[in-house]
Protein backbone atom coordinates (compact mmCIF):
# COMPACT_ATOMS: atom_id res chain seq x y z
CA MET A 1 111.28 90.55 111.94
CA LYS A 2 114.99 90.65 111.70
CA SER A 3 116.27 93.96 110.50
CA THR A 4 118.19 93.85 107.23
CA LEU A 5 119.96 97.03 108.36
CA SER A 6 122.44 94.96 110.22
CA LEU A 7 123.35 92.82 107.12
CA PRO A 8 126.45 93.87 105.32
CA LEU A 9 126.18 94.74 101.69
CA SER A 10 128.57 91.91 100.82
CA LEU A 11 126.07 89.42 102.19
CA LEU A 12 123.22 90.80 100.14
CA LEU A 13 125.48 90.65 97.04
CA ALA A 14 126.13 87.06 97.85
CA LEU A 15 122.44 86.32 97.05
CA ALA A 16 123.45 86.10 93.36
CA CYS A 17 122.43 83.15 91.38
CA ALA A 18 122.95 81.87 87.87
CA PRO A 19 124.09 84.33 85.18
CA ALA A 20 121.39 85.85 83.00
CA LEU A 21 120.13 83.85 80.04
CA ALA A 22 121.07 85.24 76.70
CA ALA A 23 117.80 86.89 75.65
CA PRO A 24 114.15 87.12 76.47
CA PRO A 25 112.16 83.86 75.91
CA ALA A 26 111.85 83.07 72.40
CA ASP A 27 108.15 83.38 72.33
CA PHE A 28 107.92 86.29 74.86
CA GLU A 29 106.57 88.96 72.54
CA ALA A 30 103.86 86.73 71.23
CA ARG A 31 103.03 85.72 74.89
CA ALA A 32 102.86 89.30 76.11
CA GLU A 33 100.52 90.20 73.22
CA LEU A 34 98.32 87.12 74.02
CA LEU A 35 98.18 88.05 77.68
CA ARG A 36 97.37 91.68 76.87
CA GLN A 37 94.35 90.52 74.87
CA ARG A 38 93.29 87.83 77.32
CA ILE A 39 93.22 90.22 80.25
CA GLY A 40 91.82 93.09 78.23
CA VAL A 41 94.53 95.75 78.58
CA PRO A 42 94.38 98.31 75.78
CA GLY A 43 98.07 99.10 75.52
CA LEU A 44 101.40 97.71 76.84
CA ALA A 45 104.99 98.80 76.69
CA ILE A 46 108.04 96.67 77.68
CA ALA A 47 111.69 97.41 77.89
CA ILE A 48 114.43 94.86 78.64
CA VAL A 49 118.11 95.55 79.17
CA GLU A 50 120.68 92.72 79.50
CA ASP A 51 124.49 92.86 79.81
CA GLY A 52 124.52 96.44 78.53
CA LYS A 53 122.30 95.81 75.57
CA THR A 54 118.69 96.71 74.88
CA THR A 55 117.07 93.41 73.83
CA LEU A 56 113.51 94.62 73.73
CA ALA A 57 111.82 98.05 73.71
CA ARG A 58 108.45 98.10 72.02
CA GLY A 59 104.73 98.55 72.42
CA PHE A 60 101.71 96.34 72.06
CA GLY A 61 98.08 97.25 71.48
CA VAL A 62 96.52 100.63 71.31
CA ARG A 63 96.91 104.02 73.04
CA GLN A 64 93.19 104.24 73.70
CA LEU A 65 90.11 102.02 73.31
CA GLY A 66 88.24 102.69 70.15
CA ALA A 67 91.04 104.30 68.29
CA PRO A 68 93.51 102.65 65.97
CA ALA A 69 96.82 104.48 67.02
CA ALA A 70 99.16 101.74 68.10
CA VAL A 71 101.59 101.81 71.08
CA ASP A 72 105.13 101.94 69.95
CA GLY A 73 108.57 102.39 71.58
CA ASP A 74 108.11 106.17 72.09
CA THR A 75 104.49 106.16 73.34
CA LEU A 76 104.37 107.96 76.73
CA PHE A 77 102.90 106.20 79.81
CA PRO A 78 102.64 107.90 83.18
CA THR A 79 104.73 105.68 85.40
CA GLY A 80 103.36 106.62 88.94
CA SER A 81 105.53 105.90 91.89
CA THR A 82 108.40 104.39 89.86
CA GLY A 83 109.26 108.14 89.48
CA LYS A 84 110.26 108.31 93.20
CA ALA A 85 113.55 106.75 92.11
CA ILE A 86 113.93 109.60 89.68
CA THR A 87 113.30 112.18 92.36
CA VAL A 88 115.94 110.37 94.41
CA ALA A 89 118.28 110.63 91.44
CA ALA A 90 117.67 114.46 91.28
CA LEU A 91 118.56 114.61 94.93
CA ALA A 92 121.69 112.53 94.18
CA THR A 93 122.94 115.20 91.72
CA LEU A 94 122.67 117.72 94.47
CA VAL A 95 124.50 115.41 96.85
CA ASP A 96 127.22 114.96 94.24
CA ASP A 97 127.48 118.72 93.85
CA GLY A 98 127.98 119.17 97.67
CA LYS A 99 124.67 121.13 97.95
CA ILE A 100 123.06 118.65 100.29
CA LYS A 101 123.73 115.53 102.26
CA TRP A 102 121.34 112.55 102.61
CA ASP A 103 121.31 113.02 106.44
CA ASP A 104 120.77 116.79 106.54
CA LYS A 105 117.88 118.04 108.53
CA VAL A 106 115.04 118.98 106.27
CA THR A 107 114.73 122.41 107.98
CA GLU A 108 118.32 123.29 106.98
CA HIS A 109 116.94 123.59 103.38
CA LEU A 110 113.28 124.14 103.98
CA PRO A 111 113.27 126.49 107.06
CA GLY A 112 109.48 126.78 107.27
CA PHE A 113 108.76 123.08 107.12
CA GLN A 114 106.91 121.57 110.04
CA MET A 115 105.66 118.16 111.06
CA TYR A 116 102.83 117.77 113.67
CA ASP A 117 105.34 117.01 116.32
CA PRO A 118 107.99 119.79 116.98
CA TRP A 119 110.68 117.25 117.88
CA VAL A 120 110.09 115.44 114.55
CA THR A 121 110.27 118.81 112.70
CA ARG A 122 113.78 119.26 114.25
CA GLU A 123 115.08 115.77 113.57
CA ILE A 124 113.55 114.69 110.30
CA THR A 125 116.18 114.24 107.54
CA ILE A 126 116.25 114.00 103.78
CA ARG A 127 116.78 110.23 104.20
CA ASP A 128 113.75 110.09 106.34
CA LEU A 129 111.65 111.64 103.65
CA LEU A 130 112.64 108.94 101.21
CA THR A 131 112.28 105.91 103.36
CA HIS A 132 108.69 105.95 104.62
CA ARG A 133 109.56 106.24 108.27
CA SER A 134 108.08 109.68 109.14
CA GLY A 135 105.46 108.26 111.52
CA LEU A 136 102.66 109.20 109.24
CA GLY A 137 100.11 106.41 108.31
CA TYR A 138 99.90 104.66 104.99
CA GLY A 139 98.95 107.15 102.33
CA ALA A 140 98.31 109.88 104.87
CA GLY A 141 97.31 113.07 103.13
CA ASP A 142 96.98 111.47 99.70
CA LEU A 143 93.58 113.25 99.20
CA LEU A 144 95.61 116.46 98.82
CA PHE A 145 96.40 115.22 95.39
CA VAL A 146 94.44 112.18 94.67
CA PRO A 147 92.65 112.07 92.24
CA ARG A 148 93.66 115.73 91.36
CA SER A 149 94.17 119.05 93.20
CA LYS A 150 93.76 122.82 93.14
CA LEU A 151 96.69 123.21 95.59
CA SER A 152 100.21 124.39 94.87
CA ARG A 153 103.15 122.14 95.95
CA ALA A 154 104.16 124.86 98.49
CA GLU A 155 100.58 124.89 99.98
CA THR A 156 100.49 121.01 100.09
CA VAL A 157 103.86 120.90 102.06
CA HIS A 158 102.37 123.65 104.38
CA ARG A 159 99.55 121.37 105.39
CA VAL A 160 101.79 118.47 106.36
CA ARG A 161 101.99 120.14 109.85
CA PHE A 162 98.31 119.33 110.50
CA LEU A 163 98.64 115.52 109.88
CA LYS A 164 98.76 113.64 113.13
CA PRO A 165 101.26 110.79 113.25
CA ALA A 166 100.08 107.23 113.35
CA THR A 167 103.30 105.75 114.89
CA SER A 168 106.42 107.13 116.52
CA PHE A 169 109.08 108.59 114.36
CA ARG A 170 111.33 106.05 112.52
CA SER A 171 109.65 103.05 114.14
CA THR A 172 107.46 101.72 111.40
CA TYR A 173 107.46 101.49 107.62
CA ALA A 174 104.32 103.29 106.12
CA TYR A 175 104.33 104.30 102.48
CA SER A 176 104.15 108.06 102.08
CA ASN A 177 103.63 109.97 98.88
CA LEU A 178 103.52 113.22 100.79
CA MET A 179 107.07 113.04 102.01
CA TYR A 180 108.26 112.82 98.38
CA VAL A 181 106.25 115.99 97.70
CA VAL A 182 108.40 117.56 100.45
CA ALA A 183 111.50 116.23 98.78
CA GLY A 184 110.43 117.92 95.57
CA GLN A 185 109.89 121.26 97.27
CA LEU A 186 113.39 120.87 98.87
CA ILE A 187 114.90 120.31 95.37
CA GLU A 188 113.24 123.52 94.18
CA GLN A 189 114.51 125.49 97.38
CA VAL A 190 118.18 124.19 96.86
CA SER A 191 118.45 124.44 93.18
CA GLY A 192 116.32 127.47 92.39
CA LYS A 193 114.47 125.57 89.72
CA THR A 194 111.13 123.74 89.88
CA TRP A 195 111.24 120.00 90.49
CA GLU A 196 109.94 119.66 86.90
CA ASP A 197 112.72 121.64 85.24
CA TYR A 198 115.52 120.35 87.48
CA THR A 199 114.73 116.73 87.14
CA ARG A 200 114.33 117.00 83.34
CA GLU A 201 117.55 118.91 82.91
CA HIS A 202 119.75 116.96 85.40
CA VAL A 203 118.32 113.46 85.26
CA LEU A 204 116.05 112.62 82.24
CA ARG A 205 118.01 114.27 79.48
CA PRO A 206 121.55 113.34 80.74
CA ALA A 207 120.30 109.73 80.93
CA GLY A 208 119.21 109.99 77.25
CA MET A 209 115.47 109.93 78.03
CA THR A 210 114.49 112.26 75.30
CA VAL A 211 110.75 112.05 75.28
CA SER A 212 110.03 111.53 78.93
CA THR A 213 108.06 114.40 80.66
CA THR A 214 107.93 115.76 84.14
CA HIS A 215 104.75 117.83 83.70
CA ASN A 216 101.33 116.50 82.83
CA LEU A 217 100.67 119.40 80.41
CA ASP A 218 103.85 118.33 78.44
CA ASN A 219 102.51 114.88 78.35
CA PHE A 220 99.04 116.06 77.24
CA ALA A 221 100.70 118.07 74.49
CA THR A 222 102.38 114.81 73.13
CA ALA A 223 100.35 113.21 70.41
CA ASN A 224 102.05 109.76 70.96
CA ARG A 225 100.72 109.24 74.49
CA ALA A 226 98.69 106.51 76.07
CA TYR A 227 95.27 107.30 77.59
CA PRO A 228 93.99 106.07 80.98
CA HIS A 229 91.49 103.22 81.35
CA ALA A 230 89.92 101.35 84.33
CA ARG A 231 87.12 99.00 85.31
CA MET A 232 84.46 100.66 87.45
CA ASN A 233 81.36 99.07 88.75
CA GLY A 234 79.38 101.22 91.26
CA GLY A 235 82.61 102.94 92.36
CA LEU A 236 84.46 99.63 92.99
CA ARG A 237 87.70 99.59 91.04
CA GLY A 238 88.67 96.49 89.15
CA ALA A 239 85.07 95.31 88.47
CA GLY A 240 83.10 95.68 85.18
CA ASP A 241 84.19 96.64 81.75
CA GLN A 242 87.14 98.72 80.67
CA VAL A 243 86.33 102.43 80.18
CA ARG A 244 88.46 105.39 79.27
CA LEU A 245 88.99 107.85 82.09
CA ASP A 246 88.91 111.58 82.02
CA GLU A 247 92.18 113.42 81.69
CA ARG A 248 90.89 116.90 81.16
CA ASP A 249 93.11 118.72 83.61
CA ASP A 250 96.43 118.77 85.38
CA LEU A 251 95.87 115.86 87.71
CA GLY A 252 97.66 116.02 90.96
CA ARG A 253 100.50 118.18 89.60
CA ASN A 254 101.45 119.18 93.21
CA ALA A 255 102.49 115.51 93.90
CA ALA A 256 104.55 115.07 90.74
CA PRO A 257 107.84 114.31 92.76
CA ALA A 258 105.95 111.25 94.17
CA GLY A 259 104.95 109.96 90.74
CA GLY A 260 104.60 112.52 87.88
CA ILE A 261 106.91 111.11 85.29
CA ALA A 262 105.64 109.91 81.92
CA SER A 263 107.95 107.66 79.98
CA SER A 264 108.21 105.36 77.08
CA ALA A 265 109.75 101.87 76.40
CA ASN A 266 112.77 103.36 74.66
CA ASP A 267 113.37 105.81 77.56
CA LEU A 268 112.74 103.32 80.36
CA ALA A 269 115.45 101.21 78.57
CA ARG A 270 117.79 104.23 78.88
CA TRP A 271 116.89 104.46 82.65
CA LEU A 272 117.54 100.78 83.13
CA HIS A 273 121.03 101.19 81.50
CA THR A 274 121.77 104.08 83.83
CA LEU A 275 120.78 102.06 86.82
CA LEU A 276 122.69 99.02 85.93
CA GLY A 277 125.67 101.30 85.07
CA ALA A 278 125.60 102.59 88.73
CA GLY A 279 124.72 106.12 87.43
CA ALA A 280 126.48 106.09 84.08
CA THR A 281 124.90 105.85 80.59
CA PRO A 282 126.19 103.27 78.05
CA GLU A 283 128.16 106.01 76.37
CA GLY A 284 129.91 106.70 79.69
CA LYS A 285 128.25 109.87 80.73
CA ARG A 286 127.73 110.11 84.34
CA VAL A 287 124.26 111.09 85.60
CA PHE A 288 125.00 110.56 89.24
CA SER A 289 127.97 109.11 91.04
CA ALA A 290 128.45 105.39 91.95
CA ALA A 291 128.53 106.48 95.62
CA THR A 292 125.09 107.97 95.56
CA HIS A 293 123.87 104.97 93.55
CA GLU A 294 125.07 102.70 96.26
CA GLN A 295 123.03 104.66 98.81
CA MET A 296 119.88 104.20 96.74
CA TRP A 297 120.25 100.40 96.94
CA THR A 298 121.33 100.14 100.53
CA PRO A 299 118.70 99.01 103.02
CA SER A 300 117.36 101.98 105.06
CA MET A 301 114.05 100.76 106.51
CA PRO A 302 112.78 97.27 107.11
CA MET A 303 109.55 96.47 105.32
CA PRO A 304 106.83 94.05 106.53
CA THR A 305 107.24 90.55 105.16
CA GLY A 306 103.99 89.13 106.32
CA PRO A 307 102.81 85.81 104.96
CA MET A 308 101.41 85.72 101.47
CA PRO A 309 98.33 83.68 100.52
CA PRO A 310 99.11 80.05 99.30
CA GLU A 311 98.94 80.87 95.56
CA LEU A 312 101.51 83.68 95.97
CA LYS A 313 103.78 81.94 98.56
CA LEU A 314 106.63 81.73 96.15
CA ILE A 315 107.08 85.61 95.97
CA GLU A 316 107.12 85.94 99.75
CA SER A 317 110.19 87.80 100.66
CA LYS A 318 112.51 86.89 103.44
CA LEU A 319 114.65 90.08 103.33
CA SER A 320 112.62 93.12 102.50
CA SER A 321 113.75 96.72 102.99
CA TYR A 322 113.21 100.15 101.44
CA GLY A 323 116.24 101.89 100.09
CA LEU A 324 116.03 105.46 98.63
CA GLY A 325 113.14 105.13 96.20
CA TRP A 326 113.38 101.41 95.73
CA ASP A 327 112.00 98.17 97.23
CA LEU A 328 114.90 95.86 98.06
CA MET A 329 113.97 92.13 98.39
CA ASP A 330 114.94 88.73 97.70
CA TYR A 331 113.19 86.43 95.19
CA ARG A 332 113.98 82.70 94.81
CA GLY A 333 117.41 83.29 96.23
CA ALA A 334 118.29 86.35 94.23
CA ARG A 335 118.44 90.02 95.01
CA MET A 336 115.65 92.02 93.26
CA ILE A 337 115.44 95.78 93.18
CA TRP A 338 112.18 97.16 91.91
CA HIS A 339 109.35 99.54 92.32
CA GLY A 340 105.77 99.53 91.23
CA GLY A 341 103.73 102.58 90.15
CA ALA A 342 100.01 103.25 89.75
CA VAL A 343 98.20 106.42 88.91
CA PHE A 344 94.66 106.88 87.51
CA GLY A 345 94.31 104.45 84.63
CA PHE A 346 97.95 103.27 84.46
CA GLY A 347 100.32 100.68 86.05
CA THR A 348 104.09 100.17 85.77
CA ALA A 349 106.87 98.18 87.27
CA VAL A 350 110.62 98.88 86.98
CA VAL A 351 112.73 95.83 87.98
CA LEU A 352 116.51 95.18 88.39
CA LEU A 353 118.34 91.91 88.96
CA PRO A 354 121.77 93.47 89.45
CA GLU A 355 123.75 90.09 89.82
CA GLN A 356 122.33 89.09 86.53
CA ASN A 357 122.97 92.44 84.92
CA VAL A 358 119.33 92.56 83.84
CA GLY A 359 116.63 95.13 84.02
CA PHE A 360 113.15 95.49 82.70
CA ALA A 361 110.19 97.83 82.73
CA ILE A 362 106.53 97.13 82.01
CA ALA A 363 103.85 99.81 81.52
CA ILE A 364 100.12 99.52 80.87
CA ASN A 365 97.32 102.11 80.20
CA SER A 366 94.83 100.50 82.53
CA GLU A 367 94.59 99.34 86.13
CA ASP A 368 94.96 95.58 85.42
CA GLY A 369 97.99 95.14 87.59
CA GLU A 370 97.82 91.49 87.20
CA LEU A 371 99.45 91.74 83.79
CA VAL A 372 102.38 93.83 85.18
CA ARG A 373 103.05 91.67 88.15
CA GLY A 374 102.51 88.56 86.10
CA LEU A 375 105.05 89.45 83.34
CA MET A 376 107.36 90.86 86.00
CA TYR A 377 107.69 87.47 87.71
CA GLU A 378 107.68 85.48 84.49
CA LEU A 379 110.65 87.51 83.22
CA ALA A 380 112.33 87.12 86.71
CA ASP A 381 112.01 83.39 86.53
CA HIS A 382 113.39 83.21 83.11
CA TYR A 383 116.58 85.44 83.97
CA LEU A 384 117.01 83.40 87.22
CA GLY A 385 116.86 80.08 85.38
CA LYS A 386 113.90 78.90 87.43
CA PRO A 387 110.89 76.72 86.33
CA GLN A 388 108.27 78.76 84.58
CA ALA A 389 104.88 79.36 86.12
CA ASP A 390 101.83 81.08 84.64
CA TRP A 391 102.09 84.08 86.90
CA PRO A 392 99.58 86.22 84.94
CA ALA A 393 96.95 83.62 85.47
CA THR A 394 97.82 83.25 89.17
CA PHE A 395 97.56 87.01 89.70
CA GLN A 396 94.38 87.33 87.55
CA ALA A 397 92.66 84.64 89.62
CA TYR A 398 93.75 86.11 92.92
CA LYS A 399 92.56 89.68 91.86
CA ALA A 400 89.21 88.34 90.61
CA LYS A 401 88.62 86.64 93.98
CA LYS A 402 89.34 89.86 95.91
CA VAL A 403 87.19 92.00 93.65
CA LYS A 404 84.34 89.51 93.74
CA GLN A 405 84.50 89.57 97.51
CA GLY A 406 84.48 93.36 97.68
CA LEU A 407 81.74 93.63 95.07
CA ASP A 408 79.50 91.10 96.90
CA LEU A 409 79.90 93.01 100.13
CA VAL A 410 79.17 96.35 98.55
CA GLN A 411 76.04 94.96 96.82
CA ALA A 412 74.83 93.24 99.94
CA ARG A 413 75.18 96.40 101.94
CA GLN A 414 73.44 98.56 99.33
CA ALA A 415 70.60 95.96 98.99
CA LYS A 416 69.73 96.08 102.69
CA PRO A 417 70.41 99.51 104.24
CA VAL A 418 68.67 99.88 107.58
CA LYS A 419 65.31 101.74 107.20
CA SER A 420 65.89 104.85 109.38
CA THR A 421 65.34 108.54 109.39
CA PRO A 422 68.20 111.04 109.84
CA SER A 423 68.32 112.99 112.97
CA LEU A 424 68.17 116.30 111.05
CA PRO A 425 66.46 117.28 107.94
CA PRO A 426 68.72 117.70 104.91
CA ALA A 427 68.64 121.56 105.06
CA SER A 428 70.21 121.37 108.44
CA LEU A 429 73.34 119.80 106.95
CA VAL A 430 73.98 122.54 104.53
CA GLY A 431 77.06 124.60 105.30
CA GLU A 432 80.92 124.74 104.96
CA TYR A 433 83.12 122.40 107.01
CA ALA A 434 86.82 122.24 107.31
CA ASP A 435 89.47 119.59 108.10
CA PRO A 436 92.96 120.99 109.35
CA TRP A 437 94.98 119.30 106.65
CA TYR A 438 92.49 118.80 103.84
CA GLY A 439 90.72 122.12 103.76
CA LYS A 440 87.07 122.75 103.02
CA LEU A 441 84.02 120.62 102.22
CA ALA A 442 80.86 122.30 101.15
CA ILE A 443 77.39 120.91 101.41
CA THR A 444 74.65 122.70 99.41
CA GLN A 445 70.92 122.29 98.81
CA GLU A 446 69.57 122.13 95.30
CA LYS A 447 66.30 121.10 93.77
CA SER A 448 67.54 117.54 93.23
CA GLY A 449 68.80 117.32 96.86
CA LEU A 450 72.05 117.70 98.71
CA ARG A 451 75.33 118.07 96.95
CA VAL A 452 78.82 117.81 98.31
CA ASP A 453 81.97 119.49 97.04
CA PHE A 454 85.53 118.59 98.23
CA THR A 455 86.76 122.01 97.31
CA SER A 456 90.56 121.41 97.40
CA THR A 457 90.05 118.91 94.63
CA GLN A 458 88.99 119.70 91.08
CA ARG A 459 85.61 118.25 90.16
CA MET A 460 85.36 116.05 93.26
CA ALA A 461 81.64 116.86 93.70
CA GLY A 462 78.34 115.04 93.42
CA ARG A 463 75.05 114.24 94.99
CA LEU A 464 74.59 113.19 98.65
CA GLU A 465 72.00 110.49 99.26
CA HIS A 466 70.94 109.35 102.64
CA TRP A 467 72.20 105.90 103.46
CA GLN A 468 71.09 104.95 106.97
CA TYR A 469 70.89 106.57 110.41
CA ASP A 470 72.99 109.74 110.06
CA THR A 471 75.29 108.38 107.41
CA TRP A 472 74.98 109.62 103.71
CA ILE A 473 76.81 108.34 100.63
CA THR A 474 78.44 110.28 97.85
CA ARG A 475 77.35 109.82 94.18
CA PHE A 476 80.21 111.74 92.53
CA ASP A 477 79.62 113.26 89.08
CA ASP A 478 82.89 111.65 87.96
CA PRO A 479 82.18 107.86 88.18
CA ALA A 480 85.96 107.08 88.33
CA LEU A 481 86.06 108.54 91.92
CA GLU A 482 85.90 106.16 94.88
CA PRO A 483 82.57 106.93 96.69
CA ALA A 484 82.52 107.58 100.50
CA TYR A 485 80.23 107.37 103.42
CA LEU A 486 79.70 110.65 105.42
CA SER A 487 78.61 110.05 108.97
CA PHE A 488 77.32 113.18 110.79
CA SER A 489 77.59 113.76 114.58
CA PHE A 490 75.90 116.45 116.68
CA ASP A 491 76.73 118.78 119.46
CA LYS A 492 74.76 119.37 122.71
CA ASP A 493 72.45 121.76 120.78
CA GLY A 494 71.48 119.24 118.15
CA LYS A 495 73.53 120.90 115.46
CA VAL A 496 76.18 119.34 113.20
CA GLY A 497 79.36 118.97 115.27
CA GLY A 498 81.44 116.89 112.87
CA ILE A 499 81.72 114.61 109.84
CA LYS A 500 83.74 111.33 109.55
CA LEU A 501 84.29 109.59 106.31
CA ALA A 502 84.88 105.96 105.21
CA PRO A 503 85.23 104.25 101.85
CA VAL A 504 82.35 102.49 100.30
CA SER A 505 84.61 99.93 98.77
CA PRO A 506 86.11 97.37 101.27
CA ILE A 507 89.03 96.95 98.92
CA ALA A 508 89.86 100.74 98.39
CA ASP A 509 93.42 101.69 97.97
CA PHE A 510 94.98 103.40 100.94
CA SER A 511 94.91 106.65 98.93
CA TRP A 512 91.10 106.42 98.90
CA ASP A 513 90.53 105.26 102.58
CA TYR A 514 89.45 108.74 103.59
CA ALA A 515 91.35 108.22 106.87
CA ASP A 516 92.46 111.02 109.16
CA LEU A 517 89.60 113.33 108.01
CA ASN A 518 87.63 115.05 110.70
CA PHE A 519 85.48 117.90 109.26
CA THR A 520 83.93 120.39 111.70
CA PRO A 521 81.60 123.27 110.83
CA ILE A 522 83.06 126.54 109.92
CA LYS A 523 81.61 129.09 112.35
CA THR A 524 80.11 132.07 110.66
CA THR A 525 79.55 135.54 112.43
CA GLU A 526 75.98 136.81 112.33
């Protein structure tokens, strides 16, 4: 793959195409509502900004299934990883104030920070944190905050040192939420304020984002908020009927710098204005400088551009890189700056077409990403003056095929486990186990059988059922959690020596792949 790092910005800017059309498609709002109903998404929010004007900022559908409260322009939606760009904007204000530089070593500001490799610890920079080139694997360490956590942000950052790299430093793009957690802790160290307070005071409110929150508890305290929904069938996400998910507690708060912003259509429109204004609001108030804004959209790390399946060939990028909190790509000859976001029960996309002076954001309160991506490319085609295609139908069919393949495989496996007896009786598996980066896992014996508890994670507990040989399967109390296989190994004395994990779902997200875990018994003194 040819590196886009060698391409001058002028060449990327030259990828411009026809000027933006005057407004959204005439029937766009009706079509968005029709698609929302057809796909079965409870609620939808859309913001569109063109040539310095907000041409659409409104909601569709309801905040939660079974309740009449409608989504409007101020309804809050958690926006997932689109918030990485807002964490970058918070760092940009510190750059503008001369308190940090993008290429400062992380340890200059977080002296106790460590990676697994001491050399990487010494060399890793703030820019490295933000561009997914730390050497960690895809989603490494996500179980420290997915789906929720008992850990502080400081403790989460401390545990980074126990994660072994998957590749050499700066050699490979691999998406990392954890490095943005480190960036959030760095903001706190430099500013003296929590990431939540600093980001709200220095980015959201100056940009005119008056209802957006940086803390889940503030989101939960807002009556006009969307509720999470997903399709779950035997633990396989994307299959079955839509159900409302649990939001009882402060989910993954330690990872908020990687995706903890909740926002609305009206506020997302303000964010789009600020981005298209190179850091300035429509009123001329500067949130961050044009120089730091340019850094955000400058290619820093090449991204894979592997072949897309035939039905998605048109969206295959030729020039794909990661900037600072943004995906930088070409689409049908134009430059597209965008980022997706997904957290439990929600999906979002924020998209900029800089040469057309257009931006749009789409948020839903379910995990039906085909609606987000479908509308994203329909709008892009419109503003680029390209022939229209039914992208929602294309993404819906593609997802349905993948989900069916996954569900068929899970059901086939579960229908025919190998008839076998475990090497040890269930009571011999009881005990506490530890993984260097995750922490403890406890297995207990109750009248109903074995139970497992991932103790660093709130309410990630449930029954353990024998599967086959020395592999057991989790039956979590919370049906929205992705189930796992636990495979036991034994030492020379026939006692449990370790536990390895693997996802039950063959299409599990990388946050749920249970990779890098290696639990060993916690030795007790007798």
